[in-house]
Amino acid sequence: MKTLRVSIGLVISFLVLLPVTSFAQVKPHDASTAAMVELCKSRNDIDAQNFCFGFGEGVYQAYLASRPAGSKPSICFAAINHTREQILDDFLKWNQQNPQFNLEQAAKTLIRFFKQRYPCK
């Protein structure tokens, strides 16, 4: 679990410090769920959308890379046929129903969401 936290921390550090001007509203030190949700709601901002898709993919890849070899996965996207836009819409709706996670790190909240919405069966 410590490896997962370190990997996710590295992903967050890299992604929130990307030098893209449309991310000016998100402070580099603010990796909260609320900050990410605010950015991801900007459906007409292509840079913001690409950031959100990349961030989500990075969190998921860090999860995969840090899982112990041979362990059973707890997140399975393969069983569904959703686009990244559908997954983002689902996350934004889920977040509205779960605002108690807004002050937590965005990566931690995404992992929680992925496990709830896309569990392995």
PDB file of N, CA and C in Angstrom:
ATOM      1  N   MET A   1       0.828  -1.191   0.000  1.00  0.00           N
ATOM      2  CA  MET A   1       0.000   0.000   0.000  1.00  0.00           C
ATOM      3  C   MET A   1       0.869   1.250   0.000  1.00  0.00           C
ATOM      4  N   LYS A   2       2.032   1.162   0.667  1.00  0.00           N
ATOM      5  CA  LYS A   2       2.930   2.311   0.702  1.00  0.00           C
ATOM      6  C   LYS A   2       3.416   2.636  -0.704  1.00  0.00           C
ATOM      7  N   THR A   3       3.691   1.586  -1.507  1.00  0.00           N
ATOM      8  CA  THR A   3       4.138   1.802  -2.878  1.00  0.00           C
ATOM      9  C   THR A   3       3.065   2.515  -3.683  1.00  0.00           C
ATOM     10  N   LEU A   4       1.789   2.142  -3.485  1.00  0.00           N
ATOM     11  CA  LEU A   4       0.693   2.791  -4.184  1.00  0.00           C
ATOM     12  C   LEU A   4       0.646   4.273  -3.838  1.00  0.00           C
ATOM     13  N   ARG A   5       0.793   4.609  -2.561  1.00  0.00           N
ATOM     14  CA  ARG A   5       0.770   6.021  -2.147  1.00  0.00           C
ATOM     15  C   ARG A   5       1.927   6.789  -2.777  1.00  0.00           C
ATOM     16  N   VAL A   6       3.099   6.187  -2.807  1.00  0.00           N
ATOM     17  CA  VAL A   6       4.263   6.855  -3.403  1.00  0.00           C
ATOM     18  C   VAL A   6       4.051   7.045  -4.888  1.00  0.00           C
ATOM     19  N   SER A   7       3.570   6.001  -5.586  1.00  0.00           N
ATOM     20  CA  SER A   7       3.333   6.094  -7.024  1.00  0.00           C
ATOM     21  C   SER A   7       2.291   7.147  -7.346  1.00  0.00           C
ATOM     22  N   ILE A   8       1.197   7.129  -6.604  1.00  0.00           N
ATOM     23  CA  ILE A   8       0.140   8.111  -6.839  1.00  0.00           C
ATOM     24  C   ILE A   8       0.656   9.509  -6.538  1.00  0.00           C
ATOM     25  N   GLY A   9       1.455   9.640  -5.485  1.00  0.00           N
ATOM     26  CA  GLY A   9       2.038  10.942  -5.154  1.00  0.00           C
ATOM     27  C   GLY A   9       2.908  11.466  -6.275  1.00  0.00           C
ATOM     28  N   LEU A  10       3.677  10.597  -6.895  1.00  0.00           N
ATOM     29  CA  LEU A  10       4.520  11.012  -8.020  1.00  0.00           C
ATOM     30  C   LEU A  10       3.682  11.444  -9.205  1.00  0.00           C
ATOM     31  N   VAL A  11       2.613  10.703  -9.493  1.00  0.00           N
ATOM     32  CA  VAL A  11       1.715  11.062 -10.591  1.00  0.00           C
ATOM     33  C   VAL A  11       1.101  12.432 -10.334  1.00  0.00           C
ATOM     34  N   ILE A  12       0.613  12.640  -9.112  1.00  0.00           N
ATOM     35  CA  ILE A  12      -0.001  13.928  -8.771  1.00  0.00           C
ATOM     36  C   ILE A  12       1.020  15.053  -8.911  1.00  0.00           C
ATOM     37  N   SER A  13       2.195  14.852  -8.354  1.00  0.00           N
ATOM     38  CA  SER A  13       3.225  15.893  -8.411  1.00  0.00           C
ATOM     39  C   SER A  13       3.545  16.263  -9.847  1.00  0.00           C
ATOM     40  N   PHE A  14       3.666  15.265 -10.703  1.00  0.00           N
ATOM     41  CA  PHE A  14       3.989  15.523 -12.105  1.00  0.00           C
ATOM     42  C   PHE A  14       2.850  16.255 -12.800  1.00  0.00           C
ATOM     43  N   LEU A  15       1.629  15.748 -12.628  1.00  0.00           N
ATOM     44  CA  LEU A  15       0.501  16.287 -13.375  1.00  0.00           C
ATOM     45  C   LEU A  15       0.073  17.668 -12.913  1.00  0.00           C
ATOM     46  N   VAL A  16       0.085  17.939 -11.620  1.00  0.00           N
ATOM     47  CA  VAL A  16      -0.373  19.261 -11.178  1.00  0.00           C
ATOM     48  C   VAL A  16       0.651  20.349 -11.452  1.00  0.00           C
ATOM     49  N   LEU A  17       1.849  19.972 -11.775  1.00  0.00           N
ATOM     50  CA  LEU A  17       2.859  20.980 -12.068  1.00  0.00           C
ATOM     51  C   LEU A  17       3.066  21.193 -13.559  1.00  0.00           C
ATOM     52  N   LEU A  18       2.226  20.571 -14.404  1.00  0.00           N
ATOM     53  CA  LEU A  18       2.334  20.777 -15.835  1.00  0.00           C
ATOM     54  C   LEU A  18       2.138  22.260 -16.163  1.00  0.00           C
ATOM     55  N   PRO A  19       2.987  22.821 -17.006  1.00  0.00           N
ATOM     56  CA  PRO A  19       2.893  24.250 -17.302  1.00  0.00           C
ATOM     57  C   PRO A  19       1.863  24.560 -18.389  1.00  0.00           C
ATOM     58  N   VAL A  20       0.591  24.412 -18.087  1.00  0.00           N
ATOM     59  CA  VAL A  20      -0.462  24.723 -19.037  1.00  0.00           C
ATOM     60  C   VAL A  20      -1.255  25.897 -18.484  1.00  0.00           C
ATOM     61  N   THR A  21      -1.400  26.934 -19.282  1.00  0.00           N
ATOM     62  CA  THR A  21      -2.015  28.160 -18.782  1.00  0.00           C
ATOM     63  C   THR A  21      -3.466  27.996 -18.381  1.00  0.00           C
ATOM     64  N   SER A  22      -4.215  27.084 -18.993  1.00  0.00           N
ATOM     65  CA  SER A  22      -5.628  26.949 -18.628  1.00  0.00           C
ATOM     66  C   SER A  22      -5.803  26.372 -17.235  1.00  0.00           C
ATOM     67  N   PHE A  23      -4.737  25.897 -16.616  1.00  0.00           N
ATOM     68  CA  PHE A  23      -4.823  25.339 -15.277  1.00  0.00           C
ATOM     69  C   PHE A  23      -4.514  26.397 -14.221  1.00  0.00           C
ATOM     70  N   ALA A  24      -4.503  27.653 -14.604  1.00  0.00           N
ATOM     71  CA  ALA A  24      -4.136  28.714 -13.675  1.00  0.00           C
ATOM     72  C   ALA A  24      -5.067  28.766 -12.460  1.00  0.00           C
ATOM     73  N   GLN A  25      -6.318  28.346 -12.647  1.00  0.00           N
ATOM     74  CA  GLN A  25      -7.243  28.390 -11.529  1.00  0.00           C
ATOM     75  C   GLN A  25      -6.941  27.332 -10.472  1.00  0.00           C
ATOM     76  N   VAL A  26      -6.122  26.331 -10.789  1.00  0.00           N
ATOM     77  CA  VAL A  26      -5.747  25.303  -9.825  1.00  0.00           C
ATOM     78  C   VAL A  26      -4.345  25.599  -9.333  1.00  0.00           C
ATOM     79  N   LYS A  27      -4.216  25.831  -8.056  1.00  0.00           N
ATOM     80  CA  LYS A  27      -2.902  26.111  -7.486  1.00  0.00           C
ATOM     81  C   LYS A  27      -2.060  24.845  -7.541  1.00  0.00           C
ATOM     82  N   PRO A  28      -0.762  24.951  -7.865  1.00  0.00           N
ATOM     83  CA  PRO A  28       0.082  23.760  -7.975  1.00  0.00           C
ATOM     84  C   PRO A  28       0.074  22.878  -6.730  1.00  0.00           C
ATOM     85  N   HIS A  29      -0.118  23.443  -5.563  1.00  0.00           N
ATOM     86  CA  HIS A  29      -0.109  22.646  -4.344  1.00  0.00           C
ATOM     87  C   HIS A  29      -1.489  22.080  -4.006  1.00  0.00           C
ATOM     88  N   ASP A  30      -2.495  22.403  -4.789  1.00  0.00           N
ATOM     89  CA  ASP A  30      -3.850  21.942  -4.512  1.00  0.00           C
ATOM     90  C   ASP A  30      -4.168  20.716  -5.359  1.00  0.00           C
ATOM     91  N   ALA A  31      -3.976  19.557  -4.787  1.00  0.00           N
ATOM     92  CA  ALA A  31      -4.268  18.297  -5.470  1.00  0.00           C
ATOM     93  C   ALA A  31      -5.537  17.678  -4.891  1.00  0.00           C
ATOM     94  N   SER A  32      -6.419  18.538  -4.393  1.00  0.00           N
ATOM     95  CA  SER A  32      -7.643  18.043  -3.760  1.00  0.00           C
ATOM     96  C   SER A  32      -8.646  17.576  -4.807  1.00  0.00           C
ATOM     97  N   THR A  33      -9.566  16.771  -4.354  1.00  0.00           N
ATOM     98  CA  THR A  33     -10.653  16.316  -5.213  1.00  0.00           C
ATOM     99  C   THR A  33     -11.464  17.511  -5.700  1.00  0.00           C
ATOM    100  N   ALA A  34     -11.738  18.458  -4.822  1.00  0.00           N
ATOM    101  CA  ALA A  34     -12.533  19.638  -5.197  1.00  0.00           C
ATOM    102  C   ALA A  34     -11.870  20.409  -6.335  1.00  0.00           C
ATOM    103  N   ALA A  35     -10.555  20.585  -6.273  1.00  0.00           N
ATOM    104  CA  ALA A  35      -9.845  21.312  -7.330  1.00  0.00           C
ATOM    105  C   ALA A  35      -9.917  20.549  -8.645  1.00  0.00           C
ATOM    106  N   MET A  36      -9.745  19.230  -8.583  1.00  0.00           N
ATOM    107  CA  MET A  36      -9.812  18.437  -9.800  1.00  0.00           C
ATOM    108  C   MET A  36     -11.213  18.467 -10.395  1.00  0.00           C
ATOM    109  N   VAL A  37     -12.231  18.329  -9.555  1.00  0.00           N
ATOM    110  CA  VAL A  37     -13.611  18.339 -10.038  1.00  0.00           C
ATOM    111  C   VAL A  37     -13.926  19.677 -10.703  1.00  0.00           C
ATOM    112  N   GLU A  38     -13.506  20.752 -10.076  1.00  0.00           N
ATOM    113  CA  GLU A  38     -13.756  22.083 -10.648  1.00  0.00           C
ATOM    114  C   GLU A  38     -13.141  22.193 -12.043  1.00  0.00           C
ATOM    115  N   LEU A  39     -11.943  21.699 -12.185  1.00  0.00           N
ATOM    116  CA  LEU A  39     -11.263  21.723 -13.478  1.00  0.00           C
ATOM    117  C   LEU A  39     -11.968  20.812 -14.476  1.00  0.00           C
ATOM    118  N   CYS A  40     -12.341  19.632 -14.053  1.00  0.00           N
ATOM    119  CA  CYS A  40     -12.936  18.643 -14.956  1.00  0.00           C
ATOM    120  C   CYS A  40     -14.348  19.014 -15.398  1.00  0.00           C
ATOM    121  N   LYS A  41     -15.001  19.894 -14.666  1.00  0.00           N
ATOM    122  CA  LYS A  41     -16.337  20.351 -15.059  1.00  0.00           C
ATOM    123  C   LYS A  41     -16.273  21.299 -16.249  1.00  0.00           C
ATOM    124  N   SER A  42     -15.108  21.790 -16.591  1.00  0.00           N
ATOM    125  CA  SER A  42     -14.937  22.731 -17.702  1.00  0.00           C
ATOM    126  C   SER A  42     -14.991  21.966 -19.022  1.00  0.00           C
ATOM    127  N   ARG A  43     -16.197  21.582 -19.423  1.00  0.00           N
ATOM    128  CA  ARG A  43     -16.366  20.720 -20.591  1.00  0.00           C
ATOM    129  C   ARG A  43     -15.931  21.369 -21.900  1.00  0.00           C
ATOM    130  N   ASN A  44     -15.927  22.692 -21.979  1.00  0.00           N
ATOM    131  CA  ASN A  44     -15.526  23.371 -23.210  1.00  0.00           C
ATOM    132  C   ASN A  44     -14.034  23.680 -23.267  1.00  0.00           C
ATOM    133  N   ASP A  45     -13.328  23.385 -22.215  1.00  0.00           N
ATOM    134  CA  ASP A  45     -11.887  23.640 -22.154  1.00  0.00           C
ATOM    135  C   ASP A  45     -11.151  22.340 -22.481  1.00  0.00           C
ATOM    136  N   ILE A  46     -10.670  22.261 -23.717  1.00  0.00           N
ATOM    137  CA  ILE A  46     -10.001  21.031 -24.202  1.00  0.00           C
ATOM    138  C   ILE A  46      -8.795  20.689 -23.344  1.00  0.00           C
ATOM    139  N   ASP A  47      -8.007  21.680 -22.956  1.00  0.00           N
ATOM    140  CA  ASP A  47      -6.827  21.416 -22.125  1.00  0.00           C
ATOM    141  C   ASP A  47      -7.236  20.838 -20.770  1.00  0.00           C
ATOM    142  N   ALA A  48      -8.279  21.393 -20.185  1.00  0.00           N
ATOM    143  CA  ALA A  48      -8.752  20.892 -18.895  1.00  0.00           C
ATOM    144  C   ALA A  48      -9.245  19.455 -19.032  1.00  0.00           C
ATOM    145  N   GLN A  49      -9.978  19.176 -20.089  1.00  0.00           N
ATOM    146  CA  GLN A  49     -10.472  17.818 -20.305  1.00  0.00           C
ATOM    147  C   GLN A  49      -9.320  16.833 -20.511  1.00  0.00           C
ATOM    148  N   ASN A  50      -8.343  17.224 -21.308  1.00  0.00           N
ATOM    149  CA  ASN A  50      -7.190  16.357 -21.526  1.00  0.00           C
ATOM    150  C   ASN A  50      -6.424  16.120 -20.228  1.00  0.00           C
ATOM    151  N   PHE A  51      -6.313  17.149 -19.402  1.00  0.00           N
ATOM    152  CA  PHE A  51      -5.667  16.985 -18.105  1.00  0.00           C
ATOM    153  C   PHE A  51      -6.428  15.950 -17.276  1.00  0.00           C
ATOM    154  N   CYS A  52      -7.746  16.084 -17.225  1.00  0.00           N
ATOM    155  CA  CYS A  52      -8.562  15.173 -16.419  1.00  0.00           C
ATOM    156  C   CYS A  52      -8.436  13.733 -16.904  1.00  0.00           C
ATOM    157  N   PHE A  53      -8.474  13.548 -18.219  1.00  0.00           N
ATOM    158  CA  PHE A  53      -8.324  12.191 -18.762  1.00  0.00           C
ATOM    159  C   PHE A  53      -6.933  11.639 -18.449  1.00  0.00           C
ATOM    160  N   GLY A  54      -5.919  12.466 -18.629  1.00  0.00           N
ATOM    161  CA  GLY A  54      -4.549  12.032 -18.346  1.00  0.00           C
ATOM    162  C   GLY A  54      -4.319  11.753 -16.873  1.00  0.00           C
ATOM    163  N   PHE A  55      -4.893  12.592 -16.027  1.00  0.00           N
ATOM    164  CA  PHE A  55      -4.750  12.392 -14.582  1.00  0.00           C
ATOM    165  C   PHE A  55      -5.390  11.074 -14.168  1.00  0.00           C
ATOM    166  N   GLY A  56      -6.613  10.836 -14.621  1.00  0.00           N
ATOM    167  CA  GLY A  56      -7.307   9.589 -14.304  1.00  0.00           C
ATOM    168  C   GLY A  56      -6.544   8.377 -14.806  1.00  0.00           C
ATOM    169  N   GLU A  57      -6.037   8.464 -16.014  1.00  0.00           N
ATOM    170  CA  GLU A  57      -5.253   7.358 -16.570  1.00  0.00           C
ATOM    171  C   GLU A  57      -3.972   7.152 -15.772  1.00  0.00           C
ATOM    172  N   GLY A  58      -3.333   8.239 -15.385  1.00  0.00           N
ATOM    173  CA  GLY A  58      -2.110   8.131 -14.589  1.00  0.00           C
ATOM    174  C   GLY A  58      -2.350   7.485 -13.237  1.00  0.00           C
ATOM    175  N   VAL A  59      -3.450   7.850 -12.595  1.00  0.00           N
ATOM    176  CA  VAL A  59      -3.799   7.244 -11.302  1.00  0.00           C
ATOM    177  C   VAL A  59      -4.057   5.753 -11.492  1.00  0.00           C
ATOM    178  N   TYR A  60      -4.794   5.410 -12.546  1.00  0.00           N
ATOM    179  CA  TYR A  60      -5.086   3.999 -12.800  1.00  0.00           C
ATOM    180  C   TYR A  60      -3.805   3.215 -13.121  1.00  0.00           C
ATOM    181  N   GLN A  61      -2.923   3.792 -13.923  1.00  0.00           N
ATOM    182  CA  GLN A  61      -1.667   3.115 -14.261  1.00  0.00           C
ATOM    183  C   GLN A  61      -0.787   2.948 -13.021  1.00  0.00           C
ATOM    184  N   ALA A  62      -0.789   3.939 -12.129  1.00  0.00           N
ATOM    185  CA  ALA A  62      -0.027   3.813 -10.880  1.00  0.00           C
ATOM    186  C   ALA A  62      -0.599   2.688 -10.028  1.00  0.00           C
ATOM    187  N   TYR A  63      -1.927   2.571 -10.001  1.00  0.00           N
ATOM    188  CA  TYR A  63      -2.573   1.474  -9.286  1.00  0.00           C
ATOM    189  C   TYR A  63      -2.107   0.129  -9.858  1.00  0.00           C
ATOM    190  N   LEU A  64      -2.118   0.000 -11.190  1.00  0.00           N
ATOM    191  CA  LEU A  64      -1.705  -1.252 -11.821  1.00  0.00           C
ATOM    192  C   LEU A  64      -0.240  -1.570 -11.530  1.00  0.00           C
ATOM    193  N   ALA A  65       0.603  -0.563 -11.624  1.00  0.00           N
ATOM    194  CA  ALA A  65       2.043  -0.767 -11.432  1.00  0.00           C
ATOM    195  C   ALA A  65       2.392  -1.115  -9.991  1.00  0.00           C
ATOM    196  N   SER A  66       1.594  -0.676  -9.053  1.00  0.00           N
ATOM    197  CA  SER A  66       1.930  -0.896  -7.648  1.00  0.00           C
ATOM    198  C   SER A  66       1.248  -2.125  -7.044  1.00  0.00           C
ATOM    199  N   ARG A  67       0.382  -2.773  -7.800  1.00  0.00           N
ATOM    200  CA  ARG A  67      -0.274  -3.980  -7.293  1.00  0.00           C
ATOM    201  C   ARG A  67       0.738  -5.106  -7.174  1.00  0.00           C
ATOM    202  N   PRO A  68       0.724  -5.827  -6.077  1.00  0.00           N
ATOM    203  CA  PRO A  68       1.645  -6.962  -5.958  1.00  0.00           C
ATOM    204  C   PRO A  68       1.387  -7.998  -7.049  1.00  0.00           C
ATOM    205  N   ALA A  69       2.453  -8.555  -7.589  1.00  0.00           N
ATOM    206  CA  ALA A  69       2.333  -9.557  -8.644  1.00  0.00           C
ATOM    207  C   ALA A  69       1.466 -10.717  -8.156  1.00  0.00           C
ATOM    208  N   GLY A  70       0.551 -11.129  -9.006  1.00  0.00           N
ATOM    209  CA  GLY A  70      -0.298 -12.265  -8.674  1.00  0.00           C
ATOM    210  C   GLY A  70      -1.513 -11.940  -7.825  1.00  0.00           C
ATOM    211  N   SER A  71      -1.617 -10.703  -7.367  1.00  0.00           N
ATOM    212  CA  SER A  71      -2.778 -10.346  -6.538  1.00  0.00           C
ATOM    213  C   SER A  71      -4.006 -10.118  -7.424  1.00  0.00           C
ATOM    214  N   LYS A  72      -5.156 -10.354  -6.853  1.00  0.00           N
ATOM    215  CA  LYS A  72      -6.408 -10.162  -7.576  1.00  0.00           C
ATOM    216  C   LYS A  72      -6.700  -8.670  -7.688  1.00  0.00           C
ATOM    217  N   PRO A  73      -6.982  -8.183  -8.884  1.00  0.00           N
ATOM    218  CA  PRO A  73      -7.288  -6.756  -9.027  1.00  0.00           C
ATOM    219  C   PRO A  73      -8.633  -6.400  -8.395  1.00  0.00           C
ATOM    220  N   SER A  74      -8.758  -5.162  -7.967  1.00  0.00           N
ATOM    221  CA  SER A  74     -10.028  -4.699  -7.406  1.00  0.00           C
ATOM    222  C   SER A  74     -10.717  -3.686  -8.322  1.00  0.00           C
ATOM    223  N   ILE A  75     -10.043  -3.292  -9.406  1.00  0.00           N
ATOM    224  CA  ILE A  75     -10.620  -2.363 -10.384  1.00  0.00           C
ATOM    225  C   ILE A  75     -10.556  -3.041 -11.750  1.00  0.00           C
ATOM    226  N   CYS A  76     -11.708  -3.135 -12.412  1.00  0.00           N
ATOM    227  CA  CYS A  76     -11.762  -3.793 -13.722  1.00  0.00           C
ATOM    228  C   CYS A  76     -12.581  -2.951 -14.699  1.00  0.00           C
ATOM    229  N   PHE A  77     -11.893  -2.279 -15.588  1.00  0.00           N
ATOM    230  CA  PHE A  77     -12.575  -1.516 -16.629  1.00  0.00           C
ATOM    231  C   PHE A  77     -12.902  -2.393 -17.833  1.00  0.00           C
ATOM    232  N   ALA A  78     -12.208  -3.497 -17.990  1.00  0.00           N
ATOM    233  CA  ALA A  78     -12.367  -4.347 -19.168  1.00  0.00           C
ATOM    234  C   ALA A  78     -13.785  -4.880 -19.321  1.00  0.00           C
ATOM    235  N   ALA A  79     -14.491  -5.063 -18.226  1.00  0.00           N
ATOM    236  CA  ALA A  79     -15.838  -5.628 -18.275  1.00  0.00           C
ATOM    237  C   ALA A  79     -16.870  -4.627 -18.789  1.00  0.00           C
ATOM    238  N   ILE A  80     -16.503  -3.381 -18.868  1.00  0.00           N
ATOM    239  CA  ILE A  80     -17.443  -2.352 -19.344  1.00  0.00           C
ATOM    240  C   ILE A  80     -16.954  -1.804 -20.675  1.00  0.00           C
ATOM    241  N   ASN A  81     -17.817  -1.116 -21.351  1.00  0.00           N
ATOM    242  CA  ASN A  81     -17.450  -0.546 -22.639  1.00  0.00           C
ATOM    243  C   ASN A  81     -17.750   0.949 -22.634  1.00  0.00           C
ATOM    244  N   HIS A  82     -17.228   1.643 -21.626  1.00  0.00           N
ATOM    245  CA  HIS A  82     -17.455   3.081 -21.509  1.00  0.00           C
ATOM    246  C   HIS A  82     -16.296   3.853 -22.114  1.00  0.00           C
ATOM    247  N   THR A  83     -16.619   5.008 -22.669  1.00  0.00           N
ATOM    248  CA  THR A  83     -15.576   5.912 -23.141  1.00  0.00           C
ATOM    249  C   THR A  83     -15.019   6.666 -21.942  1.00  0.00           C
ATOM    250  N   ARG A  84     -13.896   7.320 -22.134  1.00  0.00           N
ATOM    251  CA  ARG A  84     -13.331   8.110 -21.045  1.00  0.00           C
ATOM    252  C   ARG A  84     -14.265   9.257 -20.672  1.00  0.00           C
ATOM    253  N   GLU A  85     -15.012   9.786 -21.638  1.00  0.00           N
ATOM    254  CA  GLU A  85     -15.977  10.841 -21.358  1.00  0.00           C
ATOM    255  C   GLU A  85     -17.091  10.323 -20.450  1.00  0.00           C
ATOM    256  N   GLN A  86     -17.555   9.096 -20.695  1.00  0.00           N
ATOM    257  CA  GLN A  86     -18.601   8.501 -19.858  1.00  0.00           C
ATOM    258  C   GLN A  86     -18.089   8.255 -18.441  1.00  0.00           C
ATOM    259  N   ILE A  87     -16.849   7.806 -18.332  1.00  0.00           N
ATOM    260  CA  ILE A  87     -16.272   7.564 -17.009  1.00  0.00           C
ATOM    261  C   ILE A  87     -16.129   8.887 -16.260  1.00  0.00           C
ATOM    262  N   LEU A  88     -15.697   9.944 -16.948  1.00  0.00           N
ATOM    263  CA  LEU A  88     -15.581  11.251 -16.299  1.00  0.00           C
ATOM    264  C   LEU A  88     -16.960  11.756 -15.865  1.00  0.00           C
ATOM    265  N   ASP A  89     -17.955  11.626 -16.724  1.00  0.00           N
ATOM    266  CA  ASP A  89     -19.320  12.029 -16.347  1.00  0.00           C
ATOM    267  C   ASP A  89     -19.785  11.257 -15.111  1.00  0.00           C
ATOM    268  N   ASP A  90     -19.500   9.972 -15.091  1.00  0.00           N
ATOM    269  CA  ASP A  90     -19.884   9.132 -13.952  1.00  0.00           C
ATOM    270  C   ASP A  90     -19.175   9.600 -12.681  1.00  0.00           C
ATOM    271  N   PHE A  91     -17.889   9.942 -12.807  1.00  0.00           N
ATOM    272  CA  PHE A  91     -17.150  10.434 -11.642  1.00  0.00           C
ATOM    273  C   PHE A  91     -17.735  11.752 -11.137  1.00  0.00           C
ATOM    274  N   LEU A  92     -18.038  12.677 -12.038  1.00  0.00           N
ATOM    275  CA  LEU A  92     -18.583  13.973 -11.619  1.00  0.00           C
ATOM    276  C   LEU A  92     -19.933  13.799 -10.915  1.00  0.00           C
ATOM    277  N   LYS A  93     -20.770  12.894 -11.410  1.00  0.00           N
ATOM    278  CA  LYS A  93     -22.051  12.612 -10.742  1.00  0.00           C
ATOM    279  C   LYS A  93     -21.804  11.966  -9.380  1.00  0.00           C
ATOM    280  N   TRP A  94     -20.885  11.008  -9.341  1.00  0.00           N
ATOM    281  CA  TRP A  94     -20.549  10.331  -8.080  1.00  0.00           C
ATOM    282  C   TRP A  94     -20.041  11.343  -7.059  1.00  0.00           C
ATOM    283  N   ASN A  95     -19.216  12.279  -7.519  1.00  0.00           N
ATOM    284  CA  ASN A  95     -18.670  13.298  -6.623  1.00  0.00           C
ATOM    285  C   ASN A  95     -19.767  14.171  -6.032  1.00  0.00           C
ATOM    286  N   GLN A  96     -20.784  14.506  -6.805  1.00  0.00           N
ATOM    287  CA  GLN A  96     -21.898  15.297  -6.284  1.00  0.00           C
ATOM    288  C   GLN A  96     -22.608  14.567  -5.152  1.00  0.00           C
ATOM    289  N   GLN A  97     -22.637  13.243  -5.247  1.00  0.00           N
ATOM    290  CA  GLN A  97     -23.286  12.427  -4.222  1.00  0.00           C
ATOM    291  C   GLN A  97     -22.349  12.125  -3.048  1.00  0.00           C
ATOM    292  N   ASN A  98     -21.065  12.408  -3.214  1.00  0.00           N
ATOM    293  CA  ASN A  98     -20.059  12.089  -2.191  1.00  0.00           C
ATOM    294  C   ASN A  98     -19.123  13.269  -1.924  1.00  0.00           C
ATOM    295  N   PRO A  99     -19.666  14.425  -1.579  1.00  0.00           N
ATOM    296  CA  PRO A  99     -18.825  15.603  -1.376  1.00  0.00           C
ATOM    297  C   PRO A  99     -17.898  15.492  -0.161  1.00  0.00           C
ATOM    298  N   GLN A 100     -18.113  14.500   0.682  1.00  0.00           N
ATOM    299  CA  GLN A 100     -17.266  14.332   1.869  1.00  0.00           C
ATOM    300  C   GLN A 100     -15.808  14.033   1.488  1.00  0.00           C
ATOM    301  N   PHE A 101     -15.548  13.684   0.245  1.00  0.00           N
ATOM    302  CA  PHE A 101     -14.185  13.377  -0.185  1.00  0.00           C
ATOM    303  C   PHE A 101     -13.495  14.569  -0.860  1.00  0.00           C
ATOM    304  N   ASN A 102     -14.162  15.707  -0.948  1.00  0.00           N
ATOM    305  CA  ASN A 102     -13.615  16.852  -1.682  1.00  0.00           C
ATOM    306  C   ASN A 102     -12.308  17.399  -1.127  1.00  0.00           C
ATOM    307  N   LEU A 103     -12.057  17.233   0.156  1.00  0.00           N
ATOM    308  CA  LEU A 103     -10.815  17.751   0.724  1.00  0.00           C
ATOM    309  C   LEU A 103      -9.680  16.733   0.669  1.00  0.00           C
ATOM    310  N   GLU A 104      -9.985  15.512   0.274  1.00  0.00           N
ATOM    311  CA  GLU A 104      -8.952  14.487   0.153  1.00  0.00           C
ATOM    312  C   GLU A 104      -8.179  14.663  -1.149  1.00  0.00           C
ATOM    313  N   GLN A 105      -7.050  13.993  -1.233  1.00  0.00           N
ATOM    314  CA  GLN A 105      -6.265  14.034  -2.472  1.00  0.00           C
ATOM    315  C   GLN A 105      -7.085  13.428  -3.601  1.00  0.00           C
ATOM    316  N   ALA A 106      -7.018  14.059  -4.756  1.00  0.00           N
ATOM    317  CA  ALA A 106      -7.801  13.619  -5.907  1.00  0.00           C
ATOM    318  C   ALA A 106      -7.484  12.174  -6.284  1.00  0.00           C
ATOM    319  N   ALA A 107      -6.235  11.783  -6.236  1.00  0.00           N
ATOM    320  CA  ALA A 107      -5.865  10.416  -6.617  1.00  0.00           C
ATOM    321  C   ALA A 107      -6.516   9.397  -5.681  1.00  0.00           C
ATOM    322  N   LYS A 108      -6.536   9.695  -4.406  1.00  0.00           N
ATOM    323  CA  LYS A 108      -7.149   8.785  -3.434  1.00  0.00           C
ATOM    324  C   LYS A 108      -8.647   8.652  -3.708  1.00  0.00           C
ATOM    325  N   THR A 109      -9.294   9.763  -4.016  1.00  0.00           N
ATOM    326  CA  THR A 109     -10.727   9.743  -4.305  1.00  0.00           C
ATOM    327  C   THR A 109     -11.008   8.980  -5.594  1.00  0.00           C
ATOM    328  N   LEU A 110     -10.160   9.166  -6.605  1.00  0.00           N
ATOM    329  CA  LEU A 110     -10.354   8.427  -7.856  1.00  0.00           C
ATOM    330  C   LEU A 110     -10.254   6.924  -7.646  1.00  0.00           C
ATOM    331  N   ILE A 111      -9.283   6.488  -6.865  1.00  0.00           N
ATOM    332  CA  ILE A 111      -9.148   5.061  -6.584  1.00  0.00           C
ATOM    333  C   ILE A 111     -10.407   4.554  -5.877  1.00  0.00           C
ATOM    334  N   ARG A 112     -10.904   5.310  -4.926  1.00  0.00           N
ATOM    335  CA  ARG A 112     -12.141   4.933  -4.218  1.00  0.00           C
ATOM    336  C   ARG A 112     -13.299   4.815  -5.217  1.00  0.00           C
ATOM    337  N   PHE A 113     -13.431   5.808  -6.081  1.00  0.00           N
ATOM    338  CA  PHE A 113     -14.491   5.806  -7.100  1.00  0.00           C
ATOM    339  C   PHE A 113     -14.337   4.608  -8.040  1.00  0.00           C
ATOM    340  N   PHE A 114     -13.134   4.381  -8.552  1.00  0.00           N
ATOM    341  CA  PHE A 114     -12.900   3.256  -9.458  1.00  0.00           C
ATOM    342  C   PHE A 114     -13.292   1.936  -8.804  1.00  0.00           C
ATOM    343  N   LYS A 115     -12.914   1.749  -7.557  1.00  0.00           N
ATOM    344  CA  LYS A 115     -13.218   0.494  -6.853  1.00  0.00           C
ATOM    345  C   LYS A 115     -14.727   0.320  -6.651  1.00  0.00           C
ATOM    346  N   GLN A 116     -15.423   1.422  -6.401  1.00  0.00           N
ATOM    347  CA  GLN A 116     -16.869   1.343  -6.194  1.00  0.00           C
ATOM    348  C   GLN A 116     -17.624   1.104  -7.485  1.00  0.00           C
ATOM    349  N   ARG A 117     -17.260   1.851  -8.520  1.00  0.00           N
ATOM    350  CA  ARG A 117     -18.019   1.813  -9.772  1.00  0.00           C
ATOM    351  C   ARG A 117     -17.568   0.722 -10.749  1.00  0.00           C
ATOM    352  N   TYR A 118     -16.326   0.323 -10.662  1.00  0.00           N
ATOM    353  CA  TYR A 118     -15.769  -0.643 -11.618  1.00  0.00           C
ATOM    354  C   TYR A 118     -15.073  -1.796 -10.896  1.00  0.00           C
ATOM    355  N   PRO A 119     -15.806  -2.451 -10.002  1.00  0.00           N
ATOM    356  CA  PRO A 119     -15.183  -3.542  -9.248  1.00  0.00           C
ATOM    357  C   PRO A 119     -15.006  -4.788 -10.123  1.00  0.00           C
ATOM    358  N   CYS A 120     -14.058  -5.610  -9.776  1.00  0.00           N
ATOM    359  CA  CYS A 120     -13.874  -6.884 -10.461  1.00  0.00           C
ATOM    360  C   CYS A 120     -14.861  -7.878  -9.868  1.00  0.00           C
ATOM    361  N   LYS A 121     -15.422  -8.682 -10.717  1.00  0.00           N
ATOM    362  CA  LYS A 121     -16.394  -9.677 -10.234  1.00  0.00           C
ATOM    363  C   LYS A 121     -15.872 -11.064 -10.439  1.00  0.00           C
TER     364      LYS A 121
END
